[in-house]
Amino acid sequence: MRDPARRGRGRAAAEREAEAGGVQIAFPHAGGSATYFFPMAEALRRAARPLELDILSVQYPGRQERRPEPCVDDLQTLADLAVKELLQFTDRPLALFGHSMGAMVAFEVARRFEQQYGITLLTFFASGRGAPGTARQAGLHRLPDAPQEPGGAEPGPTPFGSGAVPSSAGSHTRPTI
């Protein structure tokens, strides 16, 4: 399992390891960099049953060794640039993983692969972001984890009334994609 950023190139473009069956491309959060995923890649490499995937991470323009390049402030443009770089890996099974903003970029890359090139991914993982098309309930993040009544009494109803999480919040409490 090699990571192009660790070799100083920073982009997903890399030499391929013959023993790996596929490629997982990781997209970092806004302000993040490719090195964010090094611990994950190392843990997967050392797992009792290691994945048969090369794990590569995307280095956005303006980050780390790509710092001299202008930052991209448009998600659609960033996805277009990523597709251009990642097409070289589509001859192998391909999985995408994105965290937070990276989940949105990865989703747009997946959509372009399918719609423009007819490429179906092995899988797509997203963390730290709701599914496309879901609305986030304003103020949900400010609600207490477990409401407490004065005097240590059992918790009463939540601000939602019955104590149940509303269906509109469901996509924020479990995997969405």
N, C-alpha and C. Protein backbone atom coordinates (compact mmCIF):
# COMPACT_ATOMS: atom_id res chain seq x y z
N MET A 1 0.85 -1.16 0.00
CA MET A 1 0.00 0.00 0.00
C MET A 1 0.90 1.23 0.00
N ARG A 2 0.88 1.94 -1.06
CA ARG A 2 1.70 3.13 -1.16
C ARG A 2 0.82 4.36 -1.20
N ASP A 3 1.35 5.44 -0.75
CA ASP A 3 0.61 6.69 -0.78
C ASP A 3 1.45 7.69 -1.56
N PRO A 4 0.92 8.27 -2.63
CA PRO A 4 1.71 9.17 -3.44
C PRO A 4 2.15 10.41 -2.66
N ALA A 5 1.36 10.87 -1.73
CA ALA A 5 1.74 12.06 -0.97
C ALA A 5 2.98 11.78 -0.13
N ARG A 6 3.08 10.56 0.39
CA ARG A 6 4.24 10.21 1.21
C ARG A 6 5.51 10.19 0.37
N ARG A 7 5.38 9.94 -0.91
CA ARG A 7 6.54 9.95 -1.79
C ARG A 7 6.82 11.35 -2.33
N GLY A 8 6.05 12.34 -1.86
CA GLY A 8 6.32 13.71 -2.25
C GLY A 8 5.55 14.20 -3.46
N ARG A 9 4.71 13.36 -4.07
CA ARG A 9 3.97 13.82 -5.25
C ARG A 9 2.64 14.43 -4.86
N GLY A 10 2.01 13.91 -3.81
CA GLY A 10 0.82 14.53 -3.26
C GLY A 10 -0.46 14.34 -4.03
N ARG A 11 -0.45 14.00 -5.27
CA ARG A 11 -1.66 13.78 -6.05
C ARG A 11 -1.97 12.29 -6.05
N ALA A 12 -3.13 11.96 -6.55
CA ALA A 12 -3.50 10.55 -6.60
C ALA A 12 -2.69 9.80 -7.64
N ALA A 13 -2.07 10.51 -8.58
CA ALA A 13 -1.26 9.85 -9.59
C ALA A 13 -0.10 9.13 -8.90
N ALA A 14 0.05 7.85 -9.17
CA ALA A 14 1.07 7.07 -8.48
C ALA A 14 1.39 5.81 -9.26
N GLU A 15 2.53 5.23 -8.92
CA GLU A 15 2.84 3.92 -9.47
C GLU A 15 1.86 2.92 -8.87
N ARG A 16 1.55 1.89 -9.58
CA ARG A 16 0.60 0.90 -9.09
C ARG A 16 1.32 -0.31 -8.54
N GLU A 17 0.78 -0.84 -7.46
CA GLU A 17 1.33 -2.07 -6.90
C GLU A 17 0.57 -3.24 -7.53
N ALA A 18 1.30 -4.15 -8.11
CA ALA A 18 0.69 -5.26 -8.84
C ALA A 18 -0.16 -6.15 -7.95
N GLU A 19 0.19 -6.30 -6.66
CA GLU A 19 -0.54 -7.24 -5.82
C GLU A 19 -1.89 -6.70 -5.36
N ALA A 20 -2.11 -5.43 -5.43
CA ALA A 20 -3.38 -4.87 -4.98
C ALA A 20 -4.44 -5.04 -6.06
N GLY A 21 -5.65 -5.43 -5.62
CA GLY A 21 -6.72 -5.65 -6.58
C GLY A 21 -7.42 -4.39 -7.01
N GLY A 22 -7.54 -3.43 -6.13
CA GLY A 22 -8.27 -2.21 -6.44
C GLY A 22 -7.62 -1.00 -5.78
N VAL A 23 -8.31 0.11 -5.88
CA VAL A 23 -7.81 1.37 -5.35
C VAL A 23 -8.91 2.05 -4.55
N GLN A 24 -8.58 2.50 -3.35
CA GLN A 24 -9.48 3.36 -2.59
C GLN A 24 -8.88 4.76 -2.61
N ILE A 25 -9.66 5.71 -3.07
CA ILE A 25 -9.22 7.10 -3.11
C ILE A 25 -9.93 7.83 -1.97
N ALA A 26 -9.14 8.51 -1.13
CA ALA A 26 -9.69 9.23 0.02
C ALA A 26 -9.65 10.74 -0.25
N PHE A 27 -10.75 11.40 0.06
CA PHE A 27 -10.90 12.84 -0.14
C PHE A 27 -11.01 13.51 1.23
N PRO A 28 -10.07 14.39 1.57
CA PRO A 28 -10.10 15.01 2.90
C PRO A 28 -11.16 16.11 3.03
N HIS A 29 -11.35 16.51 4.27
CA HIS A 29 -12.28 17.58 4.61
C HIS A 29 -11.75 18.94 4.13
N ALA A 30 -12.60 19.96 4.19
CA ALA A 30 -12.18 21.32 3.82
C ALA A 30 -11.03 21.73 4.72
N GLY A 31 -9.98 22.24 4.13
CA GLY A 31 -8.80 22.64 4.90
C GLY A 31 -7.88 21.47 5.22
N GLY A 32 -8.31 20.25 4.88
CA GLY A 32 -7.51 19.06 5.15
C GLY A 32 -6.53 18.77 4.04
N SER A 33 -5.73 17.76 4.28
CA SER A 33 -4.72 17.38 3.29
C SER A 33 -4.66 15.86 3.18
N ALA A 34 -3.89 15.40 2.22
CA ALA A 34 -3.75 13.97 1.98
C ALA A 34 -3.22 13.23 3.20
N THR A 35 -2.37 13.87 3.96
CA THR A 35 -1.75 13.21 5.12
C THR A 35 -2.76 12.89 6.22
N TYR A 36 -3.94 13.49 6.18
CA TYR A 36 -5.00 13.20 7.14
C TYR A 36 -5.32 11.71 7.15
N PHE A 37 -5.17 11.04 6.03
CA PHE A 37 -5.55 9.63 5.90
C PHE A 37 -4.40 8.65 6.14
N PHE A 38 -3.20 9.12 6.42
CA PHE A 38 -2.09 8.20 6.66
C PHE A 38 -2.38 7.22 7.79
N PRO A 39 -2.90 7.67 8.96
CA PRO A 39 -3.18 6.70 10.03
C PRO A 39 -4.19 5.63 9.62
N MET A 40 -5.22 6.02 8.88
CA MET A 40 -6.21 5.04 8.41
C MET A 40 -5.55 4.04 7.47
N ALA A 41 -4.76 4.53 6.53
CA ALA A 41 -4.11 3.64 5.57
C ALA A 41 -3.19 2.66 6.29
N GLU A 42 -2.46 3.15 7.27
CA GLU A 42 -1.55 2.28 8.02
C GLU A 42 -2.33 1.24 8.82
N ALA A 43 -3.41 1.64 9.46
CA ALA A 43 -4.23 0.69 10.22
C ALA A 43 -4.81 -0.40 9.32
N LEU A 44 -5.28 -0.02 8.16
CA LEU A 44 -5.82 -1.01 7.23
C LEU A 44 -4.74 -1.94 6.70
N ARG A 45 -3.56 -1.40 6.52
CA ARG A 45 -2.45 -2.22 6.04
C ARG A 45 -2.05 -3.27 7.08
N ARG A 46 -2.12 -2.91 8.35
CA ARG A 46 -1.72 -3.80 9.43
C ARG A 46 -2.85 -4.68 9.96
N ALA A 47 -4.04 -4.54 9.43
CA ALA A 47 -5.19 -5.30 9.91
C ALA A 47 -4.96 -6.79 9.77
N ALA A 48 -5.66 -7.57 10.60
CA ALA A 48 -5.53 -9.02 10.56
C ALA A 48 -5.87 -9.56 9.17
N ARG A 49 -6.85 -8.96 8.54
CA ARG A 49 -7.21 -9.30 7.17
C ARG A 49 -7.11 -8.04 6.34
N PRO A 50 -5.90 -7.69 5.89
CA PRO A 50 -5.73 -6.43 5.16
C PRO A 50 -6.56 -6.39 3.88
N LEU A 51 -7.01 -5.19 3.57
CA LEU A 51 -7.74 -5.00 2.32
C LEU A 51 -6.81 -5.18 1.14
N GLU A 52 -7.34 -5.67 0.07
CA GLU A 52 -6.55 -5.80 -1.14
C GLU A 52 -6.79 -4.57 -2.01
N LEU A 53 -6.53 -3.42 -1.40
CA LEU A 53 -6.70 -2.14 -2.09
C LEU A 53 -5.48 -1.27 -1.83
N ASP A 54 -5.05 -0.57 -2.87
CA ASP A 54 -4.12 0.53 -2.64
C ASP A 54 -4.95 1.66 -2.05
N ILE A 55 -4.42 2.32 -1.05
CA ILE A 55 -5.13 3.45 -0.48
C ILE A 55 -4.35 4.71 -0.82
N LEU A 56 -4.98 5.54 -1.63
CA LEU A 56 -4.37 6.79 -2.06
C LEU A 56 -5.24 7.93 -1.56
N SER A 57 -4.64 9.07 -1.35
CA SER A 57 -5.43 10.22 -0.91
C SER A 57 -5.19 11.41 -1.82
N VAL A 58 -6.22 12.18 -1.99
CA VAL A 58 -6.18 13.34 -2.86
C VAL A 58 -5.57 14.51 -2.10
N GLN A 59 -4.69 15.22 -2.76
CA GLN A 59 -4.13 16.45 -2.21
C GLN A 59 -4.74 17.60 -3.01
N TYR A 60 -5.55 18.40 -2.35
CA TYR A 60 -6.19 19.52 -3.03
C TYR A 60 -5.16 20.59 -3.38
N PRO A 61 -5.39 21.33 -4.48
CA PRO A 61 -4.51 22.46 -4.81
C PRO A 61 -4.48 23.45 -3.63
N GLY A 62 -3.30 24.00 -3.38
CA GLY A 62 -3.14 24.96 -2.30
C GLY A 62 -2.80 24.34 -0.96
N ARG A 63 -2.68 23.01 -0.89
CA ARG A 63 -2.38 22.31 0.36
C ARG A 63 -0.99 21.69 0.29
N GLN A 64 -0.29 21.72 1.40
CA GLN A 64 1.03 21.11 1.57
C GLN A 64 1.93 21.36 0.36
N GLU A 65 2.43 20.30 -0.29
CA GLU A 65 3.38 20.51 -1.39
C GLU A 65 2.72 21.15 -2.61
N ARG A 66 1.40 21.22 -2.62
CA ARG A 66 0.70 21.91 -3.72
C ARG A 66 0.33 23.34 -3.31
N ARG A 67 0.93 23.83 -2.25
CA ARG A 67 0.64 25.16 -1.73
C ARG A 67 0.83 26.28 -2.77
N PRO A 68 1.83 26.20 -3.64
CA PRO A 68 1.99 27.28 -4.63
C PRO A 68 0.82 27.37 -5.62
N GLU A 69 0.06 26.27 -5.77
CA GLU A 69 -1.07 26.29 -6.71
C GLU A 69 -2.23 27.05 -6.10
N PRO A 70 -3.00 27.74 -6.90
CA PRO A 70 -4.15 28.46 -6.35
C PRO A 70 -5.20 27.49 -5.82
N CYS A 71 -5.80 27.83 -4.68
CA CYS A 71 -6.88 27.02 -4.11
C CYS A 71 -8.08 27.06 -5.06
N VAL A 72 -8.85 26.02 -5.03
CA VAL A 72 -10.08 25.95 -5.83
C VAL A 72 -11.23 26.22 -4.88
N ASP A 73 -12.03 27.22 -5.19
CA ASP A 73 -13.13 27.59 -4.29
C ASP A 73 -14.50 27.17 -4.80
N ASP A 74 -14.52 26.25 -5.75
CA ASP A 74 -15.77 25.77 -6.32
C ASP A 74 -15.75 24.24 -6.32
N LEU A 75 -16.72 23.64 -5.65
CA LEU A 75 -16.77 22.19 -5.52
C LEU A 75 -16.86 21.48 -6.87
N GLN A 76 -17.64 22.02 -7.79
CA GLN A 76 -17.79 21.38 -9.10
C GLN A 76 -16.46 21.38 -9.86
N THR A 77 -15.73 22.49 -9.78
CA THR A 77 -14.42 22.57 -10.42
C THR A 77 -13.45 21.59 -9.78
N LEU A 78 -13.49 21.50 -8.45
CA LEU A 78 -12.62 20.56 -7.75
C LEU A 78 -12.92 19.13 -8.16
N ALA A 79 -14.20 18.79 -8.30
CA ALA A 79 -14.58 17.45 -8.74
C ALA A 79 -14.10 17.19 -10.17
N ASP A 80 -14.23 18.17 -11.04
CA ASP A 80 -13.76 18.01 -12.42
C ASP A 80 -12.25 17.75 -12.45
N LEU A 81 -11.50 18.51 -11.66
CA LEU A 81 -10.04 18.32 -11.61
C LEU A 81 -9.69 16.94 -11.06
N ALA A 82 -10.42 16.49 -10.04
CA ALA A 82 -10.16 15.18 -9.45
C ALA A 82 -10.44 14.06 -10.45
N VAL A 83 -11.53 14.16 -11.18
CA VAL A 83 -11.86 13.15 -12.19
C VAL A 83 -10.72 13.04 -13.20
N LYS A 84 -10.24 14.17 -13.65
CA LYS A 84 -9.15 14.19 -14.63
C LYS A 84 -7.92 13.45 -14.11
N GLU A 85 -7.59 13.66 -12.84
CA GLU A 85 -6.43 12.99 -12.23
C GLU A 85 -6.68 11.50 -11.98
N LEU A 86 -7.92 11.15 -11.64
CA LEU A 86 -8.21 9.79 -11.19
C LEU A 86 -8.58 8.82 -12.30
N LEU A 87 -8.83 9.30 -13.49
CA LEU A 87 -9.20 8.41 -14.59
C LEU A 87 -8.16 7.32 -14.82
N GLN A 88 -6.91 7.59 -14.52
CA GLN A 88 -5.85 6.59 -14.73
C GLN A 88 -6.04 5.35 -13.85
N PHE A 89 -6.87 5.43 -12.81
CA PHE A 89 -7.06 4.29 -11.91
C PHE A 89 -8.32 3.50 -12.23
N THR A 90 -9.06 3.88 -13.24
CA THR A 90 -10.35 3.25 -13.50
C THR A 90 -10.24 1.90 -14.22
N ASP A 91 -9.03 1.45 -14.47
CA ASP A 91 -8.87 0.11 -15.04
C ASP A 91 -8.89 -0.94 -13.93
N ARG A 92 -9.00 -0.52 -12.69
CA ARG A 92 -9.05 -1.41 -11.52
C ARG A 92 -10.33 -1.10 -10.74
N PRO A 93 -10.81 -2.04 -9.91
CA PRO A 93 -11.96 -1.71 -9.05
C PRO A 93 -11.62 -0.48 -8.21
N LEU A 94 -12.57 0.42 -8.13
CA LEU A 94 -12.31 1.71 -7.50
C LEU A 94 -13.34 1.99 -6.41
N ALA A 95 -12.85 2.38 -5.24
CA ALA A 95 -13.70 2.79 -4.13
C ALA A 95 -13.35 4.22 -3.78
N LEU A 96 -14.35 5.00 -3.42
CA LEU A 96 -14.12 6.37 -3.01
C LEU A 96 -14.56 6.54 -1.56
N PHE A 97 -13.78 7.30 -0.80
CA PHE A 97 -14.13 7.64 0.58
C PHE A 97 -13.91 9.14 0.76
N GLY A 98 -14.89 9.81 1.31
CA GLY A 98 -14.73 11.23 1.57
C GLY A 98 -15.23 11.57 2.95
N HIS A 99 -14.55 12.54 3.57
CA HIS A 99 -14.98 13.01 4.89
C HIS A 99 -15.40 14.47 4.80
N SER A 100 -16.59 14.77 5.30
CA SER A 100 -17.13 16.12 5.35
C SER A 100 -17.19 16.72 3.94
N MET A 101 -16.50 17.82 3.67
CA MET A 101 -16.51 18.38 2.33
C MET A 101 -15.98 17.35 1.33
N GLY A 102 -15.01 16.55 1.76
CA GLY A 102 -14.47 15.51 0.89
C GLY A 102 -15.53 14.51 0.46
N ALA A 103 -16.55 14.29 1.30
CA ALA A 103 -17.65 13.40 0.92
C ALA A 103 -18.43 13.99 -0.24
N MET A 104 -18.61 15.32 -0.23
CA MET A 104 -19.31 15.97 -1.34
C MET A 104 -18.48 15.90 -2.61
N VAL A 105 -17.18 16.12 -2.50
CA VAL A 105 -16.31 16.05 -3.68
C VAL A 105 -16.32 14.61 -4.22
N ALA A 106 -16.16 13.63 -3.34
CA ALA A 106 -16.15 12.22 -3.76
C ALA A 106 -17.48 11.84 -4.42
N PHE A 107 -18.59 12.32 -3.88
CA PHE A 107 -19.90 12.04 -4.48
C PHE A 107 -19.97 12.60 -5.89
N GLU A 108 -19.50 13.83 -6.07
CA GLU A 108 -19.52 14.44 -7.40
C GLU A 108 -18.58 13.70 -8.37
N VAL A 109 -17.45 13.23 -7.87
CA VAL A 109 -16.54 12.44 -8.71
C VAL A 109 -17.23 11.14 -9.12
N ALA A 110 -17.88 10.47 -8.15
CA ALA A 110 -18.60 9.23 -8.45
C ALA A 110 -19.68 9.47 -9.50
N ARG A 111 -20.40 10.56 -9.34
CA ARG A 111 -21.46 10.88 -10.30
C ARG A 111 -20.88 11.10 -11.71
N ARG A 112 -19.78 11.79 -11.80
CA ARG A 112 -19.15 12.03 -13.10
C ARG A 112 -18.63 10.73 -13.71
N PHE A 113 -18.00 9.89 -12.89
CA PHE A 113 -17.52 8.60 -13.41
C PHE A 113 -18.68 7.82 -14.03
N GLU A 114 -19.81 7.78 -13.34
CA GLU A 114 -20.94 7.01 -13.84
C GLU A 114 -21.60 7.66 -15.05
N GLN A 115 -21.89 8.95 -14.96
CA GLN A 115 -22.63 9.62 -16.02
C GLN A 115 -21.80 9.90 -17.27
N GLN A 116 -20.54 10.27 -17.10
CA GLN A 116 -19.73 10.66 -18.24
C GLN A 116 -18.91 9.51 -18.82
N TYR A 117 -18.56 8.52 -17.98
CA TYR A 117 -17.66 7.46 -18.44
C TYR A 117 -18.25 6.06 -18.28
N GLY A 118 -19.43 5.93 -17.70
CA GLY A 118 -20.04 4.62 -17.50
C GLY A 118 -19.28 3.75 -16.51
N ILE A 119 -18.55 4.36 -15.60
CA ILE A 119 -17.75 3.63 -14.61
C ILE A 119 -18.56 3.44 -13.34
N THR A 120 -18.69 2.18 -12.93
CA THR A 120 -19.37 1.86 -11.68
C THR A 120 -18.33 1.59 -10.62
N LEU A 121 -18.48 2.22 -9.47
CA LEU A 121 -17.53 2.06 -8.38
C LEU A 121 -17.73 0.73 -7.66
N LEU A 122 -16.65 0.25 -7.07
CA LEU A 122 -16.71 -0.90 -6.18
C LEU A 122 -17.58 -0.54 -4.98
N THR A 123 -17.34 0.64 -4.41
CA THR A 123 -18.16 1.15 -3.32
C THR A 123 -17.86 2.62 -3.10
N PHE A 124 -18.73 3.27 -2.35
CA PHE A 124 -18.59 4.68 -2.01
C PHE A 124 -18.87 4.82 -0.52
N PHE A 125 -17.96 5.44 0.20
CA PHE A 125 -18.11 5.68 1.63
C PHE A 125 -18.13 7.18 1.88
N ALA A 126 -18.99 7.62 2.78
CA ALA A 126 -19.01 9.03 3.17
C ALA A 126 -19.10 9.11 4.69
N SER A 127 -18.39 10.07 5.26
CA SER A 127 -18.51 10.32 6.70
C SER A 127 -18.59 11.82 6.93
N GLY A 128 -19.22 12.20 8.02
CA GLY A 128 -19.28 13.59 8.40
C GLY A 128 -20.14 14.46 7.51
N ARG A 129 -21.08 13.86 6.81
CA ARG A 129 -21.93 14.63 5.90
C ARG A 129 -23.21 13.85 5.65
N GLY A 130 -24.33 14.55 5.61
CA GLY A 130 -25.60 13.91 5.29
C GLY A 130 -25.67 13.55 3.82
N ALA A 131 -26.63 12.73 3.50
CA ALA A 131 -26.81 12.31 2.11
C ALA A 131 -27.21 13.49 1.24
N PRO A 132 -26.82 13.46 -0.03
CA PRO A 132 -27.24 14.53 -0.94
C PRO A 132 -28.75 14.66 -0.95
N GLY A 133 -29.22 15.88 -0.95
CA GLY A 133 -30.66 16.12 -1.00
C GLY A 133 -31.35 16.13 0.35
N THR A 134 -30.63 15.87 1.44
CA THR A 134 -31.26 15.93 2.76
C THR A 134 -30.98 17.30 3.38
N ALA A 135 -31.96 17.81 4.05
CA ALA A 135 -31.80 19.10 4.72
C ALA A 135 -31.37 18.86 6.16
N ARG A 136 -30.48 19.67 6.62
CA ARG A 136 -30.04 19.58 8.01
C ARG A 136 -30.93 20.47 8.85
N GLN A 137 -31.41 19.91 9.95
CA GLN A 137 -32.28 20.67 10.84
C GLN A 137 -31.44 21.71 11.58
N ALA A 138 -31.82 22.96 11.47
CA ALA A 138 -31.08 24.04 12.14
C ALA A 138 -31.13 23.83 13.65
N GLY A 139 -30.00 23.97 14.29
CA GLY A 139 -29.92 23.86 15.74
C GLY A 139 -29.82 22.45 16.27
N LEU A 140 -29.88 21.44 15.42
CA LEU A 140 -29.81 20.06 15.89
C LEU A 140 -28.53 19.81 16.68
N HIS A 141 -27.44 20.41 16.26
CA HIS A 141 -26.16 20.21 16.94
C HIS A 141 -26.13 20.85 18.33
N ARG A 142 -27.08 21.70 18.66
CA ARG A 142 -27.11 22.35 19.97
C ARG A 142 -27.93 21.60 20.99
N LEU A 143 -28.65 20.58 20.59
CA LEU A 143 -29.48 19.82 21.51
C LEU A 143 -28.61 18.98 22.43
N PRO A 144 -29.05 18.78 23.68
CA PRO A 144 -28.26 17.96 24.61
C PRO A 144 -28.26 16.50 24.17
N ASP A 145 -27.15 15.81 24.48
CA ASP A 145 -27.08 14.39 24.16
C ASP A 145 -28.10 13.60 24.97
N ALA A 146 -28.18 13.86 26.26
CA ALA A 146 -29.14 13.19 27.13
C ALA A 146 -29.70 14.25 28.09
N PRO A 147 -30.90 14.73 27.84
CA PRO A 147 -31.46 15.77 28.70
C PRO A 147 -31.53 15.30 30.15
N GLN A 148 -31.16 16.17 31.08
CA GLN A 148 -31.20 15.85 32.51
C GLN A 148 -32.16 16.79 33.22
N GLU A 149 -32.98 16.23 34.09
CA GLU A 149 -33.90 17.03 34.88
C GLU A 149 -33.20 17.46 36.17
N PRO A 150 -33.57 18.61 36.72
CA PRO A 150 -32.98 19.02 38.01
C PRO A 150 -33.23 17.96 39.08
N GLY A 151 -32.26 17.76 39.95
CA GLY A 151 -32.41 16.79 41.03
C GLY A 151 -32.14 15.36 40.63
N GLY A 152 -31.64 15.14 39.43
CA GLY A 152 -31.26 13.79 39.01
C GLY A 152 -32.42 12.93 38.56
N ALA A 153 -33.60 13.51 38.34
CA ALA A 153 -34.74 12.74 37.89
C ALA A 153 -34.47 12.18 36.49
N GLU A 154 -35.24 11.18 36.14
CA GLU A 154 -35.12 10.61 34.80
C GLU A 154 -35.37 11.69 33.76
N PRO A 155 -34.68 11.62 32.65
CA PRO A 155 -34.90 12.62 31.61
C PRO A 155 -36.34 12.61 31.13
N GLY A 156 -36.86 13.78 30.90
CA GLY A 156 -38.21 13.94 30.38
C GLY A 156 -38.19 13.99 28.87
N PRO A 157 -39.26 14.50 28.31
CA PRO A 157 -39.33 14.59 26.85
C PRO A 157 -38.25 15.50 26.30
N THR A 158 -37.79 15.18 25.13
CA THR A 158 -36.81 16.02 24.45
C THR A 158 -37.54 17.19 23.83
N PRO A 159 -36.82 18.13 23.27
CA PRO A 159 -37.50 19.24 22.59
C PRO A 159 -38.39 18.78 21.44
N PHE A 160 -38.27 17.51 21.04
CA PHE A 160 -39.12 16.99 19.97
C PHE A 160 -40.43 16.44 20.52
N GLY A 161 -40.60 16.46 21.84
CA GLY A 161 -41.86 16.04 22.43
C GLY A 161 -41.81 14.64 23.01
N SER A 162 -41.72 13.61 22.22
CA SER A 162 -41.83 12.24 22.69
C SER A 162 -40.52 11.64 23.14
N GLY A 163 -39.44 12.30 22.90
CA GLY A 163 -38.15 11.72 23.21
C GLY A 163 -37.54 11.03 22.01
N ALA A 164 -38.30 10.84 20.97
CA ALA A 164 -37.78 10.21 19.76
C ALA A 164 -37.13 11.26 18.88
N VAL A 165 -36.11 10.85 18.20
CA VAL A 165 -35.45 11.75 17.25
C VAL A 165 -36.35 11.84 16.02
N PRO A 166 -36.60 13.04 15.53
CA PRO A 166 -37.49 13.17 14.37
C PRO A 166 -36.89 12.53 13.13
N SER A 167 -37.75 12.12 12.23
CA SER A 167 -37.25 11.47 11.02
C SER A 167 -36.35 12.39 10.23
N SER A 168 -36.56 13.70 10.30
CA SER A 168 -35.70 14.62 9.56
C SER A 168 -34.28 14.63 10.10
N ALA A 169 -34.07 14.16 11.34
CA ALA A 169 -32.73 14.12 11.90
C ALA A 169 -32.08 12.77 11.67
N GLY A 170 -32.85 11.79 11.23
CA GLY A 170 -32.33 10.43 11.09
C GLY A 170 -31.10 10.32 10.23
N SER A 171 -31.02 11.10 9.18
CA SER A 171 -29.88 10.99 8.30
C SER A 171 -28.60 11.51 8.94
N HIS A 172 -28.71 12.16 10.09
CA HIS A 172 -27.54 12.69 10.77
C HIS A 172 -27.11 11.82 11.93
N THR A 173 -27.85 10.74 12.17
CA THR A 173 -27.52 9.89 13.31
C THR A 173 -27.06 8.49 12.90
N ARG A 174 -27.05 8.19 11.65
CA ARG A 174 -26.58 6.90 11.15
C ARG A 174 -26.01 7.08 9.75
N PRO A 175 -25.31 6.09 9.26
CA PRO A 175 -24.75 6.23 7.89
C PRO A 175 -25.84 6.55 6.89
N THR A 176 -25.52 7.43 5.98
CA THR A 176 -26.53 7.88 5.04
C THR A 176 -26.31 7.40 3.61
N ILE A 177 -25.11 6.94 3.31
CA ILE A 177 -24.84 6.52 1.93
C ILE A 177 -24.19 5.16 1.96
